C-alpha atoms as a PDB file:
ATOM      1  CA  MET A   1      -3.063  -3.968   8.969  1.00  0.00           C
ATOM      2  CA  ARG A   2       0.191  -5.797   7.851  1.00  0.00           C
ATOM      3  CA  ARG A   3       2.513  -3.726   6.646  1.00  0.00           C
ATOM      4  CA  VAL A   4       3.996  -5.028   2.943  1.00  0.00           C
ATOM      5  CA  PRO A   5       7.665  -4.016   2.056  1.00  0.00           C
ATOM      6  CA  LEU A   6       7.642  -1.767  -0.891  1.00  0.00           C
ATOM      7  CA  TRP A   7      10.150  -3.483  -2.933  1.00  0.00           C
ATOM      8  CA  PRO A   8       9.766  -7.374  -2.169  1.00  0.00           C
ATOM      9  CA  ALA A   9      12.790  -9.419  -1.703  1.00  0.00           C
ATOM     10  CA  TRP A  10      12.239 -11.529  -5.543  1.00  0.00           C
ATOM     11  CA  LEU A  11      12.260  -7.843  -7.128  1.00  0.00           C
ATOM     12  CA  GLN A  12      15.411  -6.865  -5.386  1.00  0.00           C
ATOM     13  CA  ASN A  13      17.389  -9.622  -7.103  1.00  0.00           C
ATOM     14  CA  PRO A  14      14.873 -10.506  -9.991  1.00  0.00           C
ATOM     15  CA  PRO A  15      15.848 -13.764 -11.740  1.00  0.00           C
ATOM     16  CA  GLN A  16      17.148 -13.311 -15.309  1.00  0.00           C
ATOM     17  CA  ALA A  17      14.339 -12.156 -17.559  1.00  0.00           C
ATOM     18  CA  GLN A  18      13.230 -15.041 -19.931  1.00  0.00           C
ATOM     19  CA  PRO A  19      11.617 -14.175 -23.572  1.00  0.00           C
ATOM     20  CA  GLY A  20       7.927 -14.241 -23.559  1.00  0.00           C
ATOM     21  CA  ARG A  21       7.406 -13.823 -20.119  1.00  0.00           C
ATOM     22  CA  LEU A  22       5.472 -11.079 -18.745  1.00  0.00           C
ATOM     23  CA  LEU A  23       5.311  -9.196 -15.240  1.00  0.00           C
ATOM     24  CA  VAL A  24       1.732  -7.576 -14.593  1.00  0.00           C
ATOM     25  CA  VAL A  25       1.252  -5.698 -11.436  1.00  0.00           C
ATOM     26  CA  LEU A  26      -2.523  -4.978  -9.976  1.00  0.00           C
ATOM     27  CA  THR A  27      -2.971  -1.953  -7.369  1.00  0.00           C
ATOM     28  CA  GLY A  28      -5.677  -0.561  -5.896  1.00  0.00           C
ATOM     29  CA  ALA A  29      -7.627   2.146  -4.359  1.00  0.00           C
ATOM     30  CA  GLY A  30      -4.736   4.688  -2.801  1.00  0.00           C
ATOM     31  CA  ILE A  31      -1.498   3.830  -4.854  1.00  0.00           C
ATOM     32  CA  SER A  32      -2.144   7.374  -6.372  1.00  0.00           C
ATOM     33  CA  ALA A  33      -2.038   9.004  -3.353  1.00  0.00           C
ATOM     34  CA  GLU A  34       1.097   7.275  -2.207  1.00  0.00           C
ATOM     35  CA  SER A  35       2.803   8.074  -5.025  1.00  0.00           C
ATOM     36  CA  GLY A  36       1.956  11.686  -5.095  1.00  0.00           C
ATOM     37  CA  LEU A  37      -0.781  11.823  -7.904  1.00  0.00           C
ATOM     38  CA  SER A  38      -4.015  13.412  -7.280  1.00  0.00           C
ATOM     39  CA  THR A  39      -6.782  11.171  -6.342  1.00  0.00           C
ATOM     40  CA  PHE A  40     -10.373  11.501  -7.054  1.00  0.00           C
ATOM     41  CA  ARG A  41     -12.100  11.572  -3.686  1.00  0.00           C
ATOM     42  CA  ASP A  42      -9.839  13.451  -1.506  1.00  0.00           C
ATOM     43  CA  SER A  43     -10.050  17.160  -0.695  1.00  0.00           C
ATOM     44  CA  GLY A  44      -8.161  18.441  -4.077  1.00  0.00           C
ATOM     45  CA  GLY A  45      -9.212  15.719  -5.479  1.00  0.00           C
ATOM     46  CA  LEU A  46      -9.961  15.694  -9.356  1.00  0.00           C
ATOM     47  CA  TRP A  47     -13.860  15.569  -8.728  1.00  0.00           C
ATOM     48  CA  GLU A  48     -13.355  18.950  -6.822  1.00  0.00           C
ATOM     49  CA  ARG A  49     -11.339  20.394 -10.028  1.00  0.00           C
ATOM     50  CA  TYR A  50     -14.159  18.843 -12.566  1.00  0.00           C
ATOM     51  CA  SER A  51     -17.616  18.324 -12.754  1.00  0.00           C
ATOM     52  CA  ILE A  52     -18.407  14.666 -13.100  1.00  0.00           C
ATOM     53  CA  TYR A  53     -21.216  15.324 -15.361  1.00  0.00           C
ATOM     54  CA  GLU A  54     -18.095  16.592 -17.987  1.00  0.00           C
ATOM     55  CA  VAL A  55     -15.800  13.551 -17.440  1.00  0.00           C
ATOM     56  CA  ALA A  56     -17.883  11.017 -17.260  1.00  0.00           C
ATOM     57  CA  THR A  57     -20.155  11.710 -20.027  1.00  0.00           C
END
């Protein structure tokens, strides 16, 4: 697996903000675990603490 730097070079020295420009960040599975947030499926995750029938209906 290739390691990606936490802060890419373009983000360390960003160009000046331009009005009307947007930055969109899409993340995938596992980002919450890396940041210390609870996940859904890990042991102790949200699905162990809550009933799927209560939160998904």
